[in-house]
Amino acid sequence: MLITEIKGLKFPDESLVRFFFKSGFEAVKESVLELGCGSGNNLRLFYEYGWDVTGVDLCYNAISDATTNLSRLKSEYHMENDFQLIQDNMLHFFENSGMKPFQTVLFPSSIFYLPYPDIITTLELLTKNVKPGGYLFFKLLTDSDYRFHNINKISLGNNSYRVMFTETGEYGKTITFLSLEKWKELLQKYFLFETLNIYRHNFDHDHCGVTTDNANIIIYGRLES
């Protein structure tokens, strides 16, 4: 399958690639769930290494692209592992999936689009959907991000806002802006980590001719068995 034939985003997130190989996932075949899977660009990495993958995204077109991409892989390379792609929001999925716990769960730039109370509920439900000794991966916005300090937003309470700007393509969306310390506190409240890695990822980015300073943190780790 050529790069030009991949629909939507073509490459996995660079921080997730590091997480994958630093965790030794190329040597195992397990199950992974991604919330906000988009075109499946992250799941393809796991799938090509023999993992069973499940992706959830609210956008119909994203799920359609991911289905096309993974179907092509399965057909052209006779992959025996499975994939499942579901159009849904992450909170509703957790409340109704009835699936067995996953070995790894990914939130690459997704959970902070929930209002704060829904983030809490999602984390509570997640505790039942990841295996003991499993792994979690989060790519998160912090309150140091351009979006928080420089553009119009309407407060919804609990550090959640409806953003009222167009340059990043997020007009009307809800974003919850928390500090690095608060994100870490929340995750350690709901999960006991055997190992925990935290990295800052700050970079400038061009959005429709506007240079924005993006403030991300990458948090991933292995849970206690």
N, C-alpha and C. Protein backbone atom coordinates (compact mmCIF):
# COMPACT_ATOMS: atom_id res chain seq x y z
N MET A 1 0.85 -1.19 0.00
CA MET A 1 0.00 0.00 0.00
C MET A 1 0.89 1.24 0.00
N LEU A 2 0.80 2.05 -1.03
CA LEU A 2 1.63 3.22 -1.15
C LEU A 2 1.14 4.34 -0.23
N ILE A 3 2.07 5.21 0.15
CA ILE A 3 1.70 6.36 0.99
C ILE A 3 0.61 7.18 0.30
N THR A 4 0.72 7.32 -0.99
CA THR A 4 -0.26 8.12 -1.73
C THR A 4 -1.66 7.51 -1.70
N GLU A 5 -1.76 6.25 -1.36
CA GLU A 5 -3.06 5.57 -1.34
C GLU A 5 -3.73 5.64 0.03
N ILE A 6 -3.01 6.10 1.05
CA ILE A 6 -3.57 6.20 2.39
C ILE A 6 -4.52 7.39 2.47
N LYS A 7 -5.70 7.17 2.98
CA LYS A 7 -6.67 8.24 3.12
C LYS A 7 -6.48 8.97 4.44
N GLY A 8 -6.63 10.29 4.43
CA GLY A 8 -6.50 11.07 5.65
C GLY A 8 -5.05 11.22 6.07
N LEU A 9 -4.81 11.44 7.37
CA LEU A 9 -3.44 11.54 7.88
C LEU A 9 -2.68 10.26 7.57
N LYS A 10 -1.43 10.41 7.15
CA LYS A 10 -0.70 9.27 6.62
C LYS A 10 0.30 8.65 7.60
N PHE A 11 0.70 9.40 8.64
CA PHE A 11 1.76 8.91 9.51
C PHE A 11 1.31 8.94 10.98
N PRO A 12 1.81 8.02 11.79
CA PRO A 12 1.48 8.06 13.22
C PRO A 12 2.14 9.24 13.91
N ASP A 13 1.54 9.69 15.00
CA ASP A 13 2.09 10.77 15.81
C ASP A 13 3.50 10.38 16.28
N GLU A 14 4.45 11.31 16.14
CA GLU A 14 5.85 10.97 16.45
C GLU A 14 6.04 10.58 17.91
N SER A 15 5.29 11.19 18.82
CA SER A 15 5.42 10.84 20.23
C SER A 15 4.86 9.45 20.50
N LEU A 16 3.84 9.06 19.74
CA LEU A 16 3.29 7.72 19.91
C LEU A 16 4.24 6.66 19.35
N VAL A 17 4.96 7.01 18.28
CA VAL A 17 5.95 6.08 17.74
C VAL A 17 7.03 5.79 18.78
N ARG A 18 7.49 6.83 19.47
CA ARG A 18 8.49 6.62 20.52
C ARG A 18 7.92 5.75 21.64
N PHE A 19 6.69 6.03 22.03
CA PHE A 19 6.02 5.23 23.06
C PHE A 19 5.96 3.76 22.65
N PHE A 20 5.60 3.51 21.40
CA PHE A 20 5.45 2.14 20.89
C PHE A 20 6.75 1.35 21.02
N PHE A 21 7.84 1.93 20.53
CA PHE A 21 9.09 1.19 20.51
C PHE A 21 9.79 1.18 21.87
N LYS A 22 9.68 2.25 22.63
CA LYS A 22 10.28 2.25 23.96
C LYS A 22 9.58 1.25 24.89
N SER A 23 8.31 0.95 24.59
CA SER A 23 7.56 -0.02 25.39
C SER A 23 7.76 -1.45 24.90
N GLY A 24 8.50 -1.63 23.81
CA GLY A 24 8.77 -2.97 23.29
C GLY A 24 7.58 -3.61 22.61
N PHE A 25 6.66 -2.80 22.09
CA PHE A 25 5.44 -3.36 21.52
C PHE A 25 5.66 -4.07 20.20
N GLU A 26 6.81 -3.85 19.56
CA GLU A 26 7.08 -4.55 18.32
C GLU A 26 7.29 -6.05 18.54
N ALA A 27 7.52 -6.44 19.80
CA ALA A 27 7.82 -7.84 20.11
C ALA A 27 6.62 -8.60 20.65
N VAL A 28 5.46 -7.95 20.76
CA VAL A 28 4.27 -8.62 21.29
C VAL A 28 3.10 -8.38 20.34
N LYS A 29 2.06 -9.17 20.51
CA LYS A 29 0.82 -9.00 19.75
C LYS A 29 -0.31 -8.97 20.76
N GLU A 30 -0.87 -7.79 20.95
CA GLU A 30 -1.88 -7.59 21.98
C GLU A 30 -3.07 -6.83 21.40
N SER A 31 -3.85 -6.20 22.30
CA SER A 31 -5.03 -5.44 21.88
C SER A 31 -4.86 -3.98 22.26
N VAL A 32 -5.28 -3.09 21.35
CA VAL A 32 -5.16 -1.66 21.60
C VAL A 32 -6.46 -0.96 21.22
N LEU A 33 -6.83 0.02 22.01
CA LEU A 33 -7.99 0.87 21.77
C LEU A 33 -7.50 2.31 21.62
N GLU A 34 -7.96 2.99 20.57
CA GLU A 34 -7.64 4.41 20.41
C GLU A 34 -8.93 5.22 20.39
N LEU A 35 -9.00 6.22 21.27
CA LEU A 35 -10.14 7.14 21.33
C LEU A 35 -9.78 8.40 20.56
N GLY A 36 -10.51 8.66 19.48
CA GLY A 36 -10.16 9.74 18.57
C GLY A 36 -9.18 9.22 17.54
N CYS A 37 -9.57 8.15 16.85
CA CYS A 37 -8.61 7.42 16.00
C CYS A 37 -8.39 8.07 14.64
N GLY A 38 -9.24 9.03 14.26
CA GLY A 38 -9.06 9.67 12.95
C GLY A 38 -9.02 8.66 11.83
N SER A 39 -8.06 8.82 10.94
CA SER A 39 -7.94 7.96 9.76
C SER A 39 -7.27 6.62 10.07
N GLY A 40 -6.97 6.38 11.34
CA GLY A 40 -6.27 5.14 11.71
C GLY A 40 -4.78 5.24 11.55
N ASN A 41 -4.24 6.47 11.42
CA ASN A 41 -2.81 6.63 11.19
C ASN A 41 -1.97 6.11 12.35
N ASN A 42 -2.49 6.20 13.58
CA ASN A 42 -1.77 5.61 14.73
C ASN A 42 -2.01 4.11 14.83
N LEU A 43 -3.24 3.69 14.59
CA LEU A 43 -3.56 2.27 14.72
C LEU A 43 -2.83 1.43 13.69
N ARG A 44 -2.51 2.02 12.53
CA ARG A 44 -1.81 1.25 11.50
C ARG A 44 -0.47 0.72 12.03
N LEU A 45 0.21 1.49 12.86
CA LEU A 45 1.48 1.04 13.42
C LEU A 45 1.28 -0.24 14.22
N PHE A 46 0.29 -0.24 15.09
CA PHE A 46 -0.01 -1.43 15.90
C PHE A 46 -0.48 -2.59 15.01
N TYR A 47 -1.34 -2.26 14.06
CA TYR A 47 -1.92 -3.31 13.22
C TYR A 47 -0.85 -4.02 12.39
N GLU A 48 0.09 -3.25 11.86
CA GLU A 48 1.14 -3.86 11.04
C GLU A 48 2.06 -4.75 11.86
N TYR A 49 2.09 -4.56 13.17
CA TYR A 49 2.88 -5.44 14.03
C TYR A 49 2.03 -6.55 14.64
N GLY A 50 0.83 -6.77 14.13
CA GLY A 50 0.05 -7.94 14.51
C GLY A 50 -0.93 -7.75 15.64
N TRP A 51 -1.13 -6.52 16.09
CA TRP A 51 -2.07 -6.27 17.18
C TRP A 51 -3.51 -6.27 16.66
N ASP A 52 -4.45 -6.65 17.55
CA ASP A 52 -5.86 -6.42 17.30
C ASP A 52 -6.17 -4.98 17.70
N VAL A 53 -6.78 -4.22 16.79
CA VAL A 53 -6.96 -2.80 17.05
C VAL A 53 -8.44 -2.43 17.01
N THR A 54 -8.80 -1.51 17.88
CA THR A 54 -10.15 -0.94 17.92
C THR A 54 -10.01 0.58 17.93
N GLY A 55 -10.73 1.24 17.05
CA GLY A 55 -10.70 2.69 16.99
C GLY A 55 -12.09 3.28 17.13
N VAL A 56 -12.17 4.40 17.84
CA VAL A 56 -13.43 5.11 18.04
C VAL A 56 -13.24 6.56 17.62
N ASP A 57 -14.15 7.08 16.83
CA ASP A 57 -14.10 8.48 16.45
C ASP A 57 -15.53 8.96 16.18
N LEU A 58 -15.78 10.21 16.50
CA LEU A 58 -17.10 10.78 16.32
C LEU A 58 -17.39 11.09 14.86
N CYS A 59 -16.34 11.28 14.07
CA CYS A 59 -16.49 11.73 12.68
C CYS A 59 -16.69 10.54 11.73
N TYR A 60 -17.77 10.57 10.97
CA TYR A 60 -18.07 9.49 10.02
C TYR A 60 -16.97 9.37 8.97
N ASN A 61 -16.52 10.51 8.43
CA ASN A 61 -15.50 10.46 7.37
C ASN A 61 -14.19 9.87 7.88
N ALA A 62 -13.84 10.17 9.14
CA ALA A 62 -12.61 9.60 9.71
C ALA A 62 -12.71 8.08 9.81
N ILE A 63 -13.85 7.60 10.29
CA ILE A 63 -14.05 6.15 10.42
C ILE A 63 -14.05 5.50 9.04
N SER A 64 -14.63 6.18 8.06
CA SER A 64 -14.63 5.66 6.69
C SER A 64 -13.21 5.54 6.15
N ASP A 65 -12.39 6.57 6.37
CA ASP A 65 -11.00 6.53 5.92
C ASP A 65 -10.22 5.42 6.62
N ALA A 66 -10.41 5.32 7.93
CA ALA A 66 -9.70 4.29 8.70
C ALA A 66 -10.09 2.89 8.24
N THR A 67 -11.38 2.70 7.96
CA THR A 67 -11.85 1.40 7.48
C THR A 67 -11.20 1.05 6.16
N THR A 68 -11.14 2.03 5.25
CA THR A 68 -10.50 1.80 3.95
C THR A 68 -9.03 1.44 4.12
N ASN A 69 -8.32 2.21 4.95
CA ASN A 69 -6.88 2.00 5.13
C ASN A 69 -6.57 0.63 5.74
N LEU A 70 -7.28 0.27 6.79
CA LEU A 70 -7.00 -1.00 7.45
C LEU A 70 -7.49 -2.18 6.62
N SER A 71 -8.58 -2.00 5.90
CA SER A 71 -9.07 -3.07 5.02
C SER A 71 -8.05 -3.38 3.93
N ARG A 72 -7.45 -2.32 3.37
CA ARG A 72 -6.43 -2.53 2.35
C ARG A 72 -5.24 -3.31 2.91
N LEU A 73 -4.81 -2.93 4.11
CA LEU A 73 -3.69 -3.65 4.73
C LEU A 73 -4.03 -5.12 4.93
N LYS A 74 -5.21 -5.37 5.47
CA LYS A 74 -5.60 -6.75 5.76
C LYS A 74 -5.67 -7.58 4.49
N SER A 75 -6.21 -6.98 3.44
CA SER A 75 -6.36 -7.71 2.18
C SER A 75 -5.03 -7.91 1.46
N GLU A 76 -4.24 -6.84 1.34
CA GLU A 76 -3.03 -6.92 0.53
C GLU A 76 -1.93 -7.72 1.19
N TYR A 77 -1.90 -7.73 2.53
CA TYR A 77 -0.82 -8.41 3.23
C TYR A 77 -1.32 -9.62 4.02
N HIS A 78 -2.57 -10.01 3.78
CA HIS A 78 -3.15 -11.21 4.39
C HIS A 78 -2.98 -11.22 5.91
N MET A 79 -3.31 -10.08 6.51
CA MET A 79 -3.16 -9.95 7.96
C MET A 79 -4.21 -10.82 8.67
N GLU A 80 -3.78 -11.54 9.70
CA GLU A 80 -4.69 -12.41 10.42
C GLU A 80 -5.28 -11.74 11.66
N ASN A 81 -4.70 -10.63 12.09
CA ASN A 81 -5.23 -9.93 13.25
C ASN A 81 -6.46 -9.12 12.86
N ASP A 82 -7.23 -8.73 13.86
CA ASP A 82 -8.53 -8.09 13.62
C ASP A 82 -8.49 -6.59 13.84
N PHE A 83 -9.45 -5.90 13.22
CA PHE A 83 -9.66 -4.50 13.53
C PHE A 83 -11.16 -4.22 13.62
N GLN A 84 -11.50 -3.25 14.45
CA GLN A 84 -12.88 -2.81 14.61
C GLN A 84 -12.89 -1.29 14.72
N LEU A 85 -13.73 -0.64 13.95
CA LEU A 85 -13.80 0.82 13.93
C LEU A 85 -15.23 1.25 14.19
N ILE A 86 -15.40 2.18 15.12
CA ILE A 86 -16.72 2.52 15.64
C ILE A 86 -16.92 4.02 15.62
N GLN A 87 -18.02 4.47 15.02
CA GLN A 87 -18.36 5.88 15.07
C GLN A 87 -19.17 6.15 16.34
N ASP A 88 -18.56 6.88 17.27
CA ASP A 88 -19.21 7.14 18.56
C ASP A 88 -18.38 8.17 19.30
N ASN A 89 -18.96 8.79 20.34
CA ASN A 89 -18.13 9.60 21.23
C ASN A 89 -17.57 8.70 22.32
N MET A 90 -16.44 9.10 22.88
CA MET A 90 -15.71 8.19 23.76
C MET A 90 -16.48 7.85 25.03
N LEU A 91 -17.23 8.81 25.56
CA LEU A 91 -17.96 8.56 26.80
C LEU A 91 -19.06 7.54 26.56
N HIS A 92 -19.82 7.72 25.49
CA HIS A 92 -20.89 6.77 25.16
C HIS A 92 -20.31 5.39 24.87
N PHE A 93 -19.17 5.35 24.19
CA PHE A 93 -18.53 4.07 23.89
C PHE A 93 -18.21 3.31 25.17
N PHE A 94 -17.58 3.98 26.12
CA PHE A 94 -17.22 3.31 27.36
C PHE A 94 -18.45 2.85 28.14
N GLU A 95 -19.50 3.62 28.07
CA GLU A 95 -20.72 3.27 28.81
C GLU A 95 -21.44 2.07 28.22
N ASN A 96 -21.22 1.81 26.92
CA ASN A 96 -22.05 0.82 26.23
C ASN A 96 -21.28 -0.26 25.49
N SER A 97 -19.94 -0.24 25.50
CA SER A 97 -19.20 -1.15 24.63
C SER A 97 -19.33 -2.61 25.05
N GLY A 98 -19.24 -2.89 26.34
CA GLY A 98 -19.29 -4.26 26.80
C GLY A 98 -18.11 -5.10 26.34
N MET A 99 -17.02 -4.46 25.89
CA MET A 99 -15.86 -5.19 25.41
C MET A 99 -14.95 -5.62 26.56
N LYS A 100 -14.13 -6.60 26.29
CA LYS A 100 -13.11 -7.00 27.25
C LYS A 100 -12.08 -5.89 27.39
N PRO A 101 -11.42 -5.81 28.54
CA PRO A 101 -10.39 -4.77 28.72
C PRO A 101 -9.27 -4.91 27.69
N PHE A 102 -8.68 -3.78 27.34
CA PHE A 102 -7.61 -3.73 26.36
C PHE A 102 -6.26 -3.68 27.07
N GLN A 103 -5.22 -4.15 26.37
CA GLN A 103 -3.88 -4.11 26.95
C GLN A 103 -3.32 -2.70 26.91
N THR A 104 -3.70 -1.92 25.89
CA THR A 104 -3.21 -0.55 25.74
C THR A 104 -4.36 0.34 25.28
N VAL A 105 -4.44 1.53 25.87
CA VAL A 105 -5.47 2.50 25.48
C VAL A 105 -4.79 3.83 25.17
N LEU A 106 -5.16 4.43 24.03
CA LEU A 106 -4.53 5.64 23.53
C LEU A 106 -5.52 6.81 23.50
N PHE A 107 -5.06 7.96 23.98
CA PHE A 107 -5.81 9.22 23.86
C PHE A 107 -4.88 10.27 23.22
N PRO A 108 -4.63 10.18 21.92
CA PRO A 108 -3.75 11.15 21.29
C PRO A 108 -4.53 12.41 20.89
N SER A 109 -4.41 13.48 21.67
CA SER A 109 -5.09 14.74 21.35
C SER A 109 -6.59 14.57 21.24
N SER A 110 -7.20 13.96 22.26
CA SER A 110 -8.64 13.74 22.17
C SER A 110 -9.39 14.03 23.47
N ILE A 111 -8.91 13.58 24.61
CA ILE A 111 -9.71 13.66 25.82
C ILE A 111 -9.93 15.10 26.27
N PHE A 112 -9.05 16.02 25.92
CA PHE A 112 -9.21 17.40 26.36
C PHE A 112 -10.32 18.12 25.59
N TYR A 113 -10.92 17.48 24.58
CA TYR A 113 -12.07 18.06 23.90
C TYR A 113 -13.38 17.78 24.65
N LEU A 114 -13.30 17.09 25.78
CA LEU A 114 -14.47 16.85 26.61
C LEU A 114 -14.57 17.93 27.69
N PRO A 115 -15.81 18.28 28.13
CA PRO A 115 -15.95 19.11 29.32
C PRO A 115 -15.35 18.39 30.52
N TYR A 116 -14.90 19.15 31.50
CA TYR A 116 -14.21 18.56 32.65
C TYR A 116 -15.00 17.42 33.31
N PRO A 117 -16.32 17.58 33.58
CA PRO A 117 -17.04 16.46 34.22
C PRO A 117 -17.01 15.18 33.39
N ASP A 118 -17.04 15.32 32.05
CA ASP A 118 -16.98 14.14 31.19
C ASP A 118 -15.59 13.51 31.18
N ILE A 119 -14.56 14.33 31.36
CA ILE A 119 -13.20 13.78 31.50
C ILE A 119 -13.13 12.89 32.73
N ILE A 120 -13.69 13.36 33.83
CA ILE A 120 -13.68 12.58 35.06
C ILE A 120 -14.43 11.27 34.87
N THR A 121 -15.62 11.33 34.27
CA THR A 121 -16.40 10.12 34.04
C THR A 121 -15.67 9.15 33.13
N THR A 122 -15.03 9.69 32.08
CA THR A 122 -14.27 8.85 31.15
C THR A 122 -13.13 8.13 31.85
N LEU A 123 -12.41 8.83 32.70
CA LEU A 123 -11.31 8.20 33.44
C LEU A 123 -11.84 7.12 34.39
N GLU A 124 -12.96 7.39 35.01
CA GLU A 124 -13.56 6.39 35.90
C GLU A 124 -13.93 5.13 35.13
N LEU A 125 -14.55 5.31 33.96
CA LEU A 125 -14.94 4.16 33.14
C LEU A 125 -13.71 3.45 32.56
N LEU A 126 -12.67 4.22 32.26
CA LEU A 126 -11.45 3.65 31.69
C LEU A 126 -10.81 2.64 32.64
N THR A 127 -10.97 2.84 33.93
CA THR A 127 -10.36 1.92 34.90
C THR A 127 -10.83 0.48 34.68
N LYS A 128 -12.03 0.32 34.10
CA LYS A 128 -12.58 -1.01 33.87
C LYS A 128 -12.28 -1.52 32.46
N ASN A 129 -11.63 -0.69 31.66
CA ASN A 129 -11.42 -1.04 30.25
C ASN A 129 -9.96 -1.23 29.87
N VAL A 130 -9.07 -1.20 30.84
CA VAL A 130 -7.66 -1.48 30.58
C VAL A 130 -7.21 -2.58 31.53
N LYS A 131 -6.42 -3.51 31.02
CA LYS A 131 -5.99 -4.66 31.80
C LYS A 131 -5.00 -4.26 32.89
N PRO A 132 -4.98 -4.98 34.00
CA PRO A 132 -3.89 -4.80 34.97
C PRO A 132 -2.55 -5.04 34.26
N GLY A 133 -1.59 -4.17 34.51
CA GLY A 133 -0.32 -4.29 33.82
C GLY A 133 -0.34 -3.73 32.41
N GLY A 134 -1.49 -3.13 32.03
CA GLY A 134 -1.61 -2.54 30.70
C GLY A 134 -0.98 -1.17 30.63
N TYR A 135 -1.13 -0.53 29.49
CA TYR A 135 -0.48 0.76 29.23
C TYR A 135 -1.51 1.81 28.85
N LEU A 136 -1.23 3.06 29.25
CA LEU A 136 -2.02 4.21 28.85
C LEU A 136 -1.12 5.24 28.17
N PHE A 137 -1.68 5.90 27.16
CA PHE A 137 -0.95 6.97 26.46
C PHE A 137 -1.88 8.16 26.29
N PHE A 138 -1.39 9.35 26.69
CA PHE A 138 -2.15 10.58 26.54
C PHE A 138 -1.27 11.65 25.90
N LYS A 139 -1.83 12.36 24.93
CA LYS A 139 -1.23 13.60 24.45
C LYS A 139 -2.23 14.71 24.78
N LEU A 140 -1.81 15.67 25.61
CA LEU A 140 -2.74 16.60 26.24
C LEU A 140 -2.35 18.05 26.00
N LEU A 141 -3.35 18.91 25.96
CA LEU A 141 -3.11 20.35 25.96
C LEU A 141 -2.96 20.83 27.39
N THR A 142 -2.17 21.86 27.59
CA THR A 142 -2.07 22.48 28.91
C THR A 142 -2.55 23.93 28.83
N ASP A 143 -2.64 24.55 29.99
CA ASP A 143 -3.09 25.95 30.04
C ASP A 143 -1.98 26.93 29.65
N SER A 144 -0.87 26.41 29.14
CA SER A 144 0.17 27.27 28.56
C SER A 144 0.00 27.42 27.05
N ASP A 145 -1.01 26.76 26.49
CA ASP A 145 -1.20 26.75 25.05
C ASP A 145 -1.73 28.09 24.53
N TYR A 146 -1.40 28.38 23.30
CA TYR A 146 -1.86 29.60 22.61
C TYR A 146 -3.37 29.77 22.72
N ARG A 147 -4.10 28.68 22.56
CA ARG A 147 -5.56 28.75 22.54
C ARG A 147 -6.11 29.33 23.84
N PHE A 148 -5.44 29.03 24.93
CA PHE A 148 -5.94 29.48 26.23
C PHE A 148 -5.68 30.96 26.47
N HIS A 149 -4.55 31.45 26.03
CA HIS A 149 -4.13 32.81 26.40
C HIS A 149 -4.45 33.88 25.37
N ASN A 150 -4.66 33.51 24.12
CA ASN A 150 -4.68 34.52 23.08
C ASN A 150 -5.96 34.61 22.24
N ILE A 151 -6.92 33.77 22.49
CA ILE A 151 -8.10 33.82 21.63
C ILE A 151 -9.39 33.74 22.42
N ASN A 152 -10.48 34.14 21.78
CA ASN A 152 -11.77 34.26 22.45
C ASN A 152 -12.31 32.90 22.86
N LYS A 153 -12.91 32.86 24.03
CA LYS A 153 -13.50 31.62 24.53
C LYS A 153 -14.57 31.97 25.55
N ILE A 154 -15.52 31.06 25.70
CA ILE A 154 -16.62 31.23 26.65
C ILE A 154 -16.45 30.18 27.75
N SER A 155 -16.37 30.63 28.99
CA SER A 155 -16.15 29.70 30.10
C SER A 155 -17.38 28.83 30.33
N LEU A 156 -17.13 27.54 30.49
CA LEU A 156 -18.18 26.59 30.85
C LEU A 156 -18.00 26.10 32.28
N GLY A 157 -16.99 26.65 32.97
CA GLY A 157 -16.68 26.22 34.34
C GLY A 157 -15.71 25.06 34.36
N ASN A 158 -15.04 24.89 35.48
CA ASN A 158 -14.10 23.76 35.68
C ASN A 158 -13.00 23.73 34.62
N ASN A 159 -12.52 24.92 34.21
CA ASN A 159 -11.43 25.03 33.24
C ASN A 159 -11.80 24.54 31.85
N SER A 160 -13.11 24.43 31.57
CA SER A 160 -13.57 24.07 30.23
C SER A 160 -14.13 25.32 29.55
N TYR A 161 -13.89 25.39 28.23
CA TYR A 161 -14.30 26.57 27.48
C TYR A 161 -14.86 26.16 26.12
N ARG A 162 -15.79 26.97 25.60
CA ARG A 162 -16.18 26.86 24.21
C ARG A 162 -15.35 27.87 23.45
N VAL A 163 -14.55 27.39 22.52
CA VAL A 163 -13.60 28.28 21.86
C VAL A 163 -14.28 28.97 20.68
N MET A 164 -14.02 30.27 20.55
CA MET A 164 -14.72 31.11 19.57
C MET A 164 -13.70 31.73 18.60
N PHE A 165 -12.88 30.89 18.01
CA PHE A 165 -11.89 31.36 17.05
C PHE A 165 -11.85 30.40 15.89
N THR A 166 -11.29 30.87 14.79
CA THR A 166 -11.31 30.07 13.56
C THR A 166 -9.95 29.59 13.11
N GLU A 167 -8.86 30.21 13.58
CA GLU A 167 -7.56 29.94 12.97
C GLU A 167 -7.06 28.52 13.15
N THR A 168 -7.52 27.81 14.19
CA THR A 168 -7.07 26.43 14.37
C THR A 168 -8.12 25.41 13.92
N GLY A 169 -9.22 25.90 13.34
CA GLY A 169 -10.27 24.99 12.87
C GLY A 169 -11.08 24.37 13.97
N GLU A 170 -11.12 25.00 15.15
CA GLU A 170 -11.81 24.42 16.30
C GLU A 170 -12.98 25.27 16.79
N TYR A 171 -13.49 26.15 15.94
CA TYR A 171 -14.57 27.05 16.33
C TYR A 171 -15.76 26.26 16.87
N GLY A 172 -16.24 26.69 18.05
CA GLY A 172 -17.41 26.08 18.65
C GLY A 172 -17.14 24.83 19.46
N LYS A 173 -15.90 24.32 19.42
CA LYS A 173 -15.58 23.11 20.17
C LYS A 173 -15.33 23.42 21.64
N THR A 174 -15.53 22.42 22.47
CA THR A 174 -15.18 22.52 23.88
C THR A 174 -13.75 22.03 24.08
N ILE A 175 -12.95 22.80 24.79
CA ILE A 175 -11.60 22.38 25.16
C ILE A 175 -11.42 22.62 26.66
N THR A 176 -10.87 21.63 27.34
CA THR A 176 -10.54 21.77 28.75
C THR A 176 -9.05 21.99 28.88
N PHE A 177 -8.68 23.13 29.48
CA PHE A 177 -7.27 23.51 29.64
C PHE A 177 -6.86 23.28 31.09
N LEU A 178 -5.99 22.31 31.31
CA LEU A 178 -5.48 22.03 32.64
C LEU A 178 -3.96 22.16 32.65
N SER A 179 -3.41 22.39 33.81
CA SER A 179 -1.95 22.44 33.95
C SER A 179 -1.37 21.03 33.89
N LEU A 180 -0.08 20.97 33.65
CA LEU A 180 0.61 19.67 33.70
C LEU A 180 0.39 19.01 35.05
N GLU A 181 0.50 19.79 36.12
CA GLU A 181 0.36 19.24 37.47
C GLU A 181 -1.04 18.67 37.68
N LYS A 182 -2.07 19.35 37.14
CA LYS A 182 -3.44 18.88 37.32
C LYS A 182 -3.70 17.61 36.51
N TRP A 183 -3.20 17.54 35.28
CA TRP A 183 -3.36 16.31 34.50
C TRP A 183 -2.69 15.13 35.22
N LYS A 184 -1.49 15.36 35.72
CA LYS A 184 -0.77 14.30 36.43
C LYS A 184 -1.54 13.87 37.67
N GLU A 185 -2.05 14.84 38.41
CA GLU A 185 -2.83 14.54 39.62
C GLU A 185 -4.06 13.69 39.29
N LEU A 186 -4.77 14.06 38.22
CA LEU A 186 -5.97 13.32 37.82
C LEU A 186 -5.65 11.87 37.47
N LEU A 187 -4.62 11.68 36.64
CA LEU A 187 -4.29 10.32 36.21
C LEU A 187 -3.84 9.46 37.37
N GLN A 188 -3.07 10.04 38.27
CA GLN A 188 -2.60 9.26 39.42
C GLN A 188 -3.70 9.03 40.45
N LYS A 189 -4.76 9.78 40.38
CA LYS A 189 -5.91 9.54 41.25
C LYS A 189 -6.64 8.26 40.85
N TYR A 190 -6.74 8.02 39.54
CA TYR A 190 -7.53 6.89 39.04
C TYR A 190 -6.70 5.66 38.69
N PHE A 191 -5.39 5.83 38.54
CA PHE A 191 -4.57 4.70 38.10
C PHE A 191 -3.30 4.61 38.94
N LEU A 192 -2.90 3.37 39.24
CA LEU A 192 -1.63 3.11 39.90
C LEU A 192 -0.62 2.72 38.83
N PHE A 193 0.35 3.58 38.63
CA PHE A 193 1.35 3.36 37.58
C PHE A 193 2.59 2.67 38.14
N GLU A 194 3.02 1.64 37.45
CA GLU A 194 4.32 1.03 37.78
C GLU A 194 5.44 1.90 37.23
N THR A 195 5.23 2.41 36.01
CA THR A 195 6.16 3.37 35.42
C THR A 195 5.34 4.52 34.84
N LEU A 196 5.89 5.72 34.87
CA LEU A 196 5.19 6.88 34.35
C LEU A 196 6.19 7.82 33.70
N ASN A 197 5.93 8.19 32.45
CA ASN A 197 6.81 9.08 31.70
C ASN A 197 6.03 10.34 31.33
N ILE A 198 6.65 11.49 31.55
CA ILE A 198 6.01 12.77 31.26
C ILE A 198 6.98 13.63 30.48
N TYR A 199 6.54 14.12 29.32
CA TYR A 199 7.38 14.95 28.48
C TYR A 199 6.61 16.18 28.04
N ARG A 200 7.27 17.32 28.06
CA ARG A 200 6.70 18.53 27.47
C ARG A 200 6.99 18.53 25.98
N HIS A 201 6.01 19.00 25.22
CA HIS A 201 6.18 19.08 23.77
C HIS A 201 5.62 20.41 23.31
N ASN A 202 6.46 21.43 23.31
CA ASN A 202 6.06 22.77 22.91
C ASN A 202 6.65 23.08 21.53
N PHE A 203 5.84 23.66 20.67
CA PHE A 203 6.31 23.95 19.31
C PHE A 203 5.45 25.04 18.69
N ASP A 204 6.03 25.76 17.72
CA ASP A 204 5.29 26.74 16.95
C ASP A 204 4.65 26.06 15.75
N HIS A 205 3.47 26.55 15.41
CA HIS A 205 2.73 25.92 14.31
C HIS A 205 1.99 27.01 13.54
N ASP A 206 1.92 26.84 12.23
CA ASP A 206 1.21 27.81 11.39
C ASP A 206 -0.23 27.36 11.20
N HIS A 207 -1.19 28.19 11.64
CA HIS A 207 -2.61 27.94 11.42
C HIS A 207 -3.16 29.06 10.56
N CYS A 208 -3.38 28.78 9.29
CA CYS A 208 -4.00 29.77 8.39
C CYS A 208 -3.26 31.10 8.43
N GLY A 209 -1.93 31.06 8.44
CA GLY A 209 -1.13 32.27 8.45
C GLY A 209 -0.88 32.86 9.81
N VAL A 210 -1.43 32.24 10.86
CA VAL A 210 -1.21 32.70 12.23
C VAL A 210 -0.27 31.72 12.92
N THR A 211 0.84 32.22 13.46
CA THR A 211 1.78 31.36 14.18
C THR A 211 1.29 31.19 15.61
N THR A 212 1.10 29.96 16.01
CA THR A 212 0.61 29.67 17.36
C THR A 212 1.64 28.84 18.11
N ASP A 213 1.77 29.10 19.40
CA ASP A 213 2.66 28.29 20.22
C ASP A 213 1.81 27.22 20.92
N ASN A 214 2.05 25.99 20.53
CA ASN A 214 1.31 24.85 21.05
C ASN A 214 2.02 24.26 22.26
N ALA A 215 1.28 24.02 23.32
CA ALA A 215 1.85 23.48 24.56
C ALA A 215 1.20 22.14 24.87
N ASN A 216 1.88 21.07 24.51
CA ASN A 216 1.40 19.71 24.78
C ASN A 216 2.24 19.05 25.86
N ILE A 217 1.65 18.09 26.51
CA ILE A 217 2.42 17.16 27.33
C ILE A 217 2.08 15.74 26.89
N ILE A 218 3.07 14.89 26.93
CA ILE A 218 2.91 13.48 26.63
C ILE A 218 3.04 12.73 27.95
N ILE A 219 2.02 11.98 28.30
CA ILE A 219 2.06 11.16 29.51
C ILE A 219 1.75 9.73 29.13
N TYR A 220 2.65 8.83 29.42
CA TYR A 220 2.35 7.41 29.20
C TYR A 220 3.04 6.57 30.26
N GLY A 221 2.48 5.38 30.46
CA GLY A 221 3.09 4.50 31.45
C GLY A 221 2.39 3.15 31.54
N ARG A 222 3.01 2.27 32.29
CA ARG A 222 2.49 0.94 32.52
C ARG A 222 1.82 0.88 33.89
N LEU A 223 0.64 0.27 33.94
CA LEU A 223 -0.09 0.16 35.19
C LEU A 223 0.43 -1.02 36.00
N GLU A 224 0.23 -0.95 37.30
CA GLU A 224 0.57 -2.07 38.15
C GLU A 224 -0.30 -3.28 37.83
N SER A 225 0.26 -4.45 37.95
CA SER A 225 -0.47 -5.68 37.66
C SER A 225 -1.46 -6.01 38.77
